[in-house]
């Protein structure tokens, strides 16, 4: 997918007209049209503004990934303790393994 196609898709998802997006980015409607038709490409500052406006990464805008915002993935973590249901002997084994790995990597407690 081209940058222009991705930009148009994001704009339409938000229910914005080209003139609305242009206003938000302090550009002209013609500039947005040129971006969407791949006739022009935004400078770095404008690219960052577009990414911020749509809450996506620049890599997403450039079609380098389909992940809109990698920071959302970081938030996907466990809130439970997977060791809770383990028998005591298994917990000791897991902790011993963690200590072994830390020792090998030179990580201090």
N, C-alpha and C. Protein backbone atom coordinates (compact mmCIF):
# COMPACT_ATOMS: atom_id res chain seq x y z
N UNK A 1 0.85 -1.18 0.00
CA UNK A 1 0.00 0.00 0.00
C UNK A 1 0.89 1.24 0.00
N UNK A 2 0.56 2.19 -0.79
CA UNK A 2 1.36 3.41 -0.87
C UNK A 2 1.05 4.34 0.29
N UNK A 3 1.93 5.30 0.50
CA UNK A 3 1.70 6.30 1.54
C UNK A 3 0.38 7.02 1.29
N UNK A 4 0.14 7.42 0.06
CA UNK A 4 -1.08 8.15 -0.27
C UNK A 4 -2.34 7.35 0.03
N UNK A 5 -2.31 6.07 -0.30
CA UNK A 5 -3.46 5.21 -0.04
C UNK A 5 -3.69 5.06 1.46
N UNK A 6 -2.61 4.90 2.19
CA UNK A 6 -2.72 4.75 3.64
C UNK A 6 -3.25 6.06 4.26
N UNK A 7 -2.76 7.19 3.80
CA UNK A 7 -3.22 8.48 4.31
C UNK A 7 -4.72 8.67 4.03
N UNK A 8 -5.12 8.37 2.81
CA UNK A 8 -6.54 8.50 2.46
C UNK A 8 -7.40 7.60 3.34
N UNK A 9 -6.95 6.38 3.55
CA UNK A 9 -7.70 5.43 4.38
C UNK A 9 -7.85 5.95 5.81
N UNK A 10 -6.77 6.46 6.38
CA UNK A 10 -6.83 7.00 7.74
C UNK A 10 -7.76 8.21 7.81
N UNK A 11 -7.66 9.07 6.82
CA UNK A 11 -8.51 10.26 6.79
C UNK A 11 -9.98 9.87 6.72
N UNK A 12 -10.29 8.92 5.85
CA UNK A 12 -11.68 8.50 5.69
C UNK A 12 -12.20 7.77 6.92
N UNK A 13 -11.34 7.00 7.59
CA UNK A 13 -11.73 6.34 8.85
C UNK A 13 -12.20 7.37 9.88
N UNK A 14 -11.56 8.53 9.87
CA UNK A 14 -11.90 9.59 10.82
C UNK A 14 -13.06 10.46 10.34
N UNK A 15 -13.56 10.18 9.14
CA UNK A 15 -14.66 10.95 8.59
C UNK A 15 -14.26 12.37 8.21
N UNK A 16 -12.99 12.52 7.84
CA UNK A 16 -12.48 13.85 7.48
C UNK A 16 -12.46 14.03 5.96
N UNK A 17 -12.74 15.25 5.53
CA UNK A 17 -12.50 15.63 4.14
C UNK A 17 -11.06 16.09 4.03
N UNK A 18 -10.57 16.16 2.79
CA UNK A 18 -9.20 16.63 2.58
C UNK A 18 -9.03 18.02 3.19
N UNK A 19 -10.01 18.88 3.03
CA UNK A 19 -9.89 20.24 3.56
C UNK A 19 -9.81 20.22 5.09
N UNK A 20 -10.50 19.27 5.74
CA UNK A 20 -10.44 19.16 7.21
C UNK A 20 -9.03 18.76 7.65
N UNK A 21 -8.49 17.76 6.97
CA UNK A 21 -7.14 17.31 7.30
C UNK A 21 -6.13 18.41 7.04
N UNK A 22 -6.29 19.10 5.94
CA UNK A 22 -5.39 20.21 5.61
C UNK A 22 -5.41 21.27 6.71
N UNK A 23 -6.59 21.59 7.20
CA UNK A 23 -6.71 22.58 8.27
C UNK A 23 -5.98 22.10 9.53
N UNK A 24 -6.18 20.84 9.90
CA UNK A 24 -5.54 20.30 11.10
C UNK A 24 -4.01 20.29 11.00
N UNK A 25 -3.51 20.15 9.78
CA UNK A 25 -2.06 20.08 9.57
C UNK A 25 -1.47 21.41 9.10
N UNK A 26 -2.31 22.42 8.99
CA UNK A 26 -1.88 23.73 8.51
C UNK A 26 -1.28 23.64 7.11
N UNK A 27 -2.00 22.93 6.24
CA UNK A 27 -1.60 22.75 4.84
C UNK A 27 -2.77 23.14 3.96
N UNK A 28 -2.58 23.07 2.66
CA UNK A 28 -3.68 23.32 1.74
C UNK A 28 -4.35 22.00 1.36
N UNK A 29 -5.58 22.11 0.90
CA UNK A 29 -6.30 20.92 0.44
C UNK A 29 -5.57 20.30 -0.76
N UNK A 30 -4.98 21.12 -1.59
CA UNK A 30 -4.23 20.64 -2.76
C UNK A 30 -3.03 19.80 -2.32
N UNK A 31 -2.37 20.22 -1.23
CA UNK A 31 -1.22 19.46 -0.73
C UNK A 31 -1.67 18.07 -0.28
N UNK A 32 -2.79 18.01 0.43
CA UNK A 32 -3.31 16.71 0.87
C UNK A 32 -3.65 15.85 -0.34
N UNK A 33 -4.27 16.46 -1.34
CA UNK A 33 -4.60 15.75 -2.57
C UNK A 33 -3.33 15.19 -3.23
N UNK A 34 -2.29 16.02 -3.28
CA UNK A 34 -1.02 15.57 -3.87
C UNK A 34 -0.42 14.40 -3.08
N UNK A 35 -0.53 14.45 -1.74
CA UNK A 35 -0.03 13.35 -0.92
C UNK A 35 -0.81 12.07 -1.23
N UNK A 36 -2.12 12.19 -1.24
CA UNK A 36 -2.96 11.01 -1.44
C UNK A 36 -2.82 10.42 -2.85
N UNK A 37 -2.47 11.25 -3.80
CA UNK A 37 -2.25 10.77 -5.17
C UNK A 37 -0.79 10.43 -5.44
N UNK A 38 0.02 10.45 -4.38
CA UNK A 38 1.45 10.13 -4.47
C UNK A 38 2.19 11.02 -5.46
N UNK A 39 1.75 12.27 -5.55
CA UNK A 39 2.43 13.24 -6.40
C UNK A 39 3.45 14.05 -5.61
N UNK A 40 3.26 14.10 -4.30
CA UNK A 40 4.20 14.76 -3.39
C UNK A 40 4.32 13.91 -2.15
N UNK A 41 5.38 14.15 -1.40
CA UNK A 41 5.60 13.41 -0.16
C UNK A 41 5.92 14.43 0.94
N UNK A 42 5.35 14.26 2.13
CA UNK A 42 5.56 15.25 3.18
C UNK A 42 6.99 15.25 3.72
N UNK A 43 7.40 16.39 4.24
CA UNK A 43 8.69 16.46 4.91
C UNK A 43 8.59 15.76 6.27
N UNK A 44 9.72 15.63 6.94
CA UNK A 44 9.78 14.89 8.19
C UNK A 44 8.85 15.46 9.26
N UNK A 45 8.81 16.77 9.38
CA UNK A 45 7.98 17.42 10.38
C UNK A 45 6.50 17.13 10.12
N UNK A 46 6.08 17.24 8.87
CA UNK A 46 4.69 16.98 8.52
C UNK A 46 4.34 15.51 8.69
N UNK A 47 5.26 14.64 8.33
CA UNK A 47 5.05 13.19 8.51
C UNK A 47 4.81 12.87 9.99
N UNK A 48 5.59 13.49 10.85
CA UNK A 48 5.42 13.30 12.30
C UNK A 48 4.06 13.82 12.77
N UNK A 49 3.65 14.97 12.24
CA UNK A 49 2.35 15.54 12.61
C UNK A 49 1.21 14.62 12.18
N UNK A 50 1.34 14.03 11.00
CA UNK A 50 0.31 13.11 10.50
C UNK A 50 0.24 11.88 11.40
N UNK A 51 1.40 11.33 11.73
CA UNK A 51 1.43 10.15 12.60
C UNK A 51 0.80 10.46 13.96
N UNK A 52 1.14 11.61 14.52
CA UNK A 52 0.57 12.01 15.81
C UNK A 52 -0.94 12.21 15.72
N UNK A 53 -1.38 12.84 14.67
CA UNK A 53 -2.81 13.12 14.49
C UNK A 53 -3.64 11.83 14.45
N UNK A 54 -3.13 10.83 13.74
CA UNK A 54 -3.86 9.58 13.60
C UNK A 54 -3.45 8.52 14.62
N UNK A 55 -2.53 8.88 15.52
CA UNK A 55 -2.04 7.95 16.54
C UNK A 55 -1.51 6.65 15.93
N UNK A 56 -0.66 6.81 14.93
CA UNK A 56 -0.01 5.67 14.27
C UNK A 56 1.49 5.95 14.20
N UNK A 57 2.24 4.91 13.96
CA UNK A 57 3.68 5.09 13.79
C UNK A 57 4.00 5.56 12.38
N UNK A 58 5.16 6.15 12.22
CA UNK A 58 5.61 6.53 10.88
C UNK A 58 5.82 5.28 10.04
N UNK A 59 6.27 4.20 10.65
CA UNK A 59 6.42 2.94 9.91
C UNK A 59 5.09 2.48 9.35
N UNK A 60 4.01 2.67 10.10
CA UNK A 60 2.68 2.32 9.59
C UNK A 60 2.33 3.19 8.39
N UNK A 61 2.59 4.48 8.50
CA UNK A 61 2.29 5.38 7.38
C UNK A 61 3.07 4.99 6.12
N UNK A 62 4.30 4.53 6.32
CA UNK A 62 5.16 4.18 5.19
C UNK A 62 4.98 2.74 4.73
N UNK A 63 3.98 2.06 5.31
CA UNK A 63 3.65 0.67 4.98
C UNK A 63 4.81 -0.29 5.26
N UNK A 64 5.56 0.02 6.31
CA UNK A 64 6.64 -0.88 6.73
C UNK A 64 6.13 -1.89 7.74
N UNK A 65 4.92 -1.64 8.28
CA UNK A 65 4.29 -2.55 9.23
C UNK A 65 2.79 -2.34 9.18
N UNK A 66 2.05 -3.36 9.58
CA UNK A 66 0.60 -3.23 9.69
C UNK A 66 0.19 -2.94 11.13
N UNK A 67 1.17 -2.83 12.02
CA UNK A 67 0.90 -2.49 13.41
C UNK A 67 0.79 -0.97 13.48
N UNK A 68 -0.38 -0.51 13.83
CA UNK A 68 -0.62 0.94 13.83
C UNK A 68 0.26 1.68 14.81
N UNK A 69 0.36 1.16 16.01
CA UNK A 69 1.14 1.84 17.04
C UNK A 69 1.80 0.79 17.92
N UNK A 70 3.10 0.56 17.76
CA UNK A 70 3.77 -0.50 18.53
C UNK A 70 3.69 -0.29 20.04
N UNK A 71 3.45 0.93 20.50
CA UNK A 71 3.34 1.16 21.93
C UNK A 71 2.12 0.47 22.52
N UNK A 72 1.11 0.21 21.71
CA UNK A 72 -0.07 -0.49 22.19
C UNK A 72 0.25 -1.94 22.51
N UNK A 73 1.20 -2.52 21.81
CA UNK A 73 1.58 -3.90 22.04
C UNK A 73 2.33 -4.03 23.36
N UNK A 74 3.15 -3.06 23.68
CA UNK A 74 3.92 -3.09 24.92
C UNK A 74 2.98 -3.19 26.12
N UNK A 75 1.81 -2.59 26.02
CA UNK A 75 0.87 -2.58 27.13
C UNK A 75 0.19 -3.93 27.33
N UNK A 76 0.35 -4.84 26.39
CA UNK A 76 -0.27 -6.16 26.52
C UNK A 76 0.63 -7.04 27.37
N UNK A 77 0.41 -7.02 28.67
CA UNK A 77 1.21 -7.81 29.58
C UNK A 77 0.31 -8.55 30.56
N UNK A 78 0.90 -9.51 31.23
CA UNK A 78 0.13 -10.29 32.19
C UNK A 78 0.06 -9.55 33.51
N UNK A 79 -1.10 -9.62 34.13
CA UNK A 79 -1.25 -9.03 35.46
C UNK A 79 -1.32 -10.12 36.53
N UNK A 80 -1.42 -11.36 36.08
CA UNK A 80 -1.42 -12.46 37.04
C UNK A 80 -0.01 -13.04 37.18
N UNK A 81 0.21 -13.83 38.20
CA UNK A 81 1.51 -14.44 38.44
C UNK A 81 1.44 -15.89 37.96
N UNK A 82 2.13 -16.22 36.85
CA UNK A 82 2.04 -17.58 36.32
C UNK A 82 2.61 -18.64 37.27
N UNK A 83 3.36 -18.22 38.27
CA UNK A 83 3.93 -19.20 39.21
C UNK A 83 2.98 -19.55 40.34
N UNK A 84 1.86 -18.86 40.45
CA UNK A 84 0.94 -19.06 41.56
C UNK A 84 0.48 -20.51 41.67
N UNK A 85 0.16 -21.13 40.56
CA UNK A 85 -0.39 -22.49 40.58
C UNK A 85 0.66 -23.59 40.55
N UNK A 86 1.92 -23.22 40.52
CA UNK A 86 2.98 -24.23 40.48
C UNK A 86 3.22 -24.82 41.87
N UNK A 87 3.57 -26.11 41.90
CA UNK A 87 3.98 -26.68 43.19
C UNK A 87 5.29 -26.04 43.66
N UNK A 88 5.55 -26.09 44.93
CA UNK A 88 6.72 -25.45 45.52
C UNK A 88 8.02 -25.90 44.85
N UNK A 89 8.14 -27.18 44.54
CA UNK A 89 9.38 -27.68 43.91
C UNK A 89 9.58 -27.06 42.53
N UNK A 90 8.50 -26.84 41.77
CA UNK A 90 8.59 -26.23 40.44
C UNK A 90 8.98 -24.76 40.56
N UNK A 91 8.43 -24.08 41.57
CA UNK A 91 8.78 -22.67 41.79
C UNK A 91 10.27 -22.53 42.06
N UNK A 92 10.81 -23.45 42.89
CA UNK A 92 12.25 -23.42 43.20
C UNK A 92 13.07 -23.64 41.94
N UNK A 93 12.62 -24.55 41.09
CA UNK A 93 13.34 -24.82 39.83
C UNK A 93 13.34 -23.60 38.92
N UNK A 94 12.19 -22.94 38.82
CA UNK A 94 12.08 -21.75 37.97
C UNK A 94 13.00 -20.65 38.50
N UNK A 95 12.96 -20.41 39.79
CA UNK A 95 13.81 -19.37 40.38
C UNK A 95 15.29 -19.70 40.23
N UNK A 96 15.65 -20.98 40.35
CA UNK A 96 17.05 -21.39 40.15
C UNK A 96 17.48 -21.14 38.71
N UNK A 97 16.57 -21.41 37.76
CA UNK A 97 16.89 -21.18 36.36
C UNK A 97 17.08 -19.69 36.09
N UNK A 98 16.20 -18.87 36.64
CA UNK A 98 16.32 -17.42 36.47
C UNK A 98 17.66 -16.94 37.03
N UNK A 99 18.03 -17.44 38.20
CA UNK A 99 19.32 -17.07 38.80
C UNK A 99 20.47 -17.49 37.89
N UNK A 100 20.41 -18.69 37.33
CA UNK A 100 21.45 -19.19 36.43
C UNK A 100 21.60 -18.27 35.22
N UNK A 101 20.49 -17.89 34.62
CA UNK A 101 20.53 -17.02 33.43
C UNK A 101 21.12 -15.66 33.81
N UNK A 102 20.68 -15.10 34.93
CA UNK A 102 21.21 -13.81 35.37
C UNK A 102 22.72 -13.90 35.63
N UNK A 103 23.17 -14.99 36.26
CA UNK A 103 24.60 -15.16 36.52
C UNK A 103 25.39 -15.23 35.21
N UNK A 104 24.85 -15.96 34.24
CA UNK A 104 25.53 -16.09 32.94
C UNK A 104 25.62 -14.76 32.22
N UNK A 105 24.61 -13.92 32.41
CA UNK A 105 24.58 -12.62 31.75
C UNK A 105 25.23 -11.53 32.57
N UNK A 106 25.64 -11.87 33.78
CA UNK A 106 26.29 -10.90 34.64
C UNK A 106 25.33 -9.87 35.22
N UNK A 107 24.08 -10.25 35.38
CA UNK A 107 23.07 -9.34 35.93
C UNK A 107 23.08 -9.49 37.44
N UNK A 108 23.28 -8.38 38.12
CA UNK A 108 23.28 -8.37 39.59
C UNK A 108 21.85 -8.23 40.08
N UNK A 109 21.58 -8.82 41.21
CA UNK A 109 20.24 -8.72 41.83
C UNK A 109 19.93 -7.31 42.23
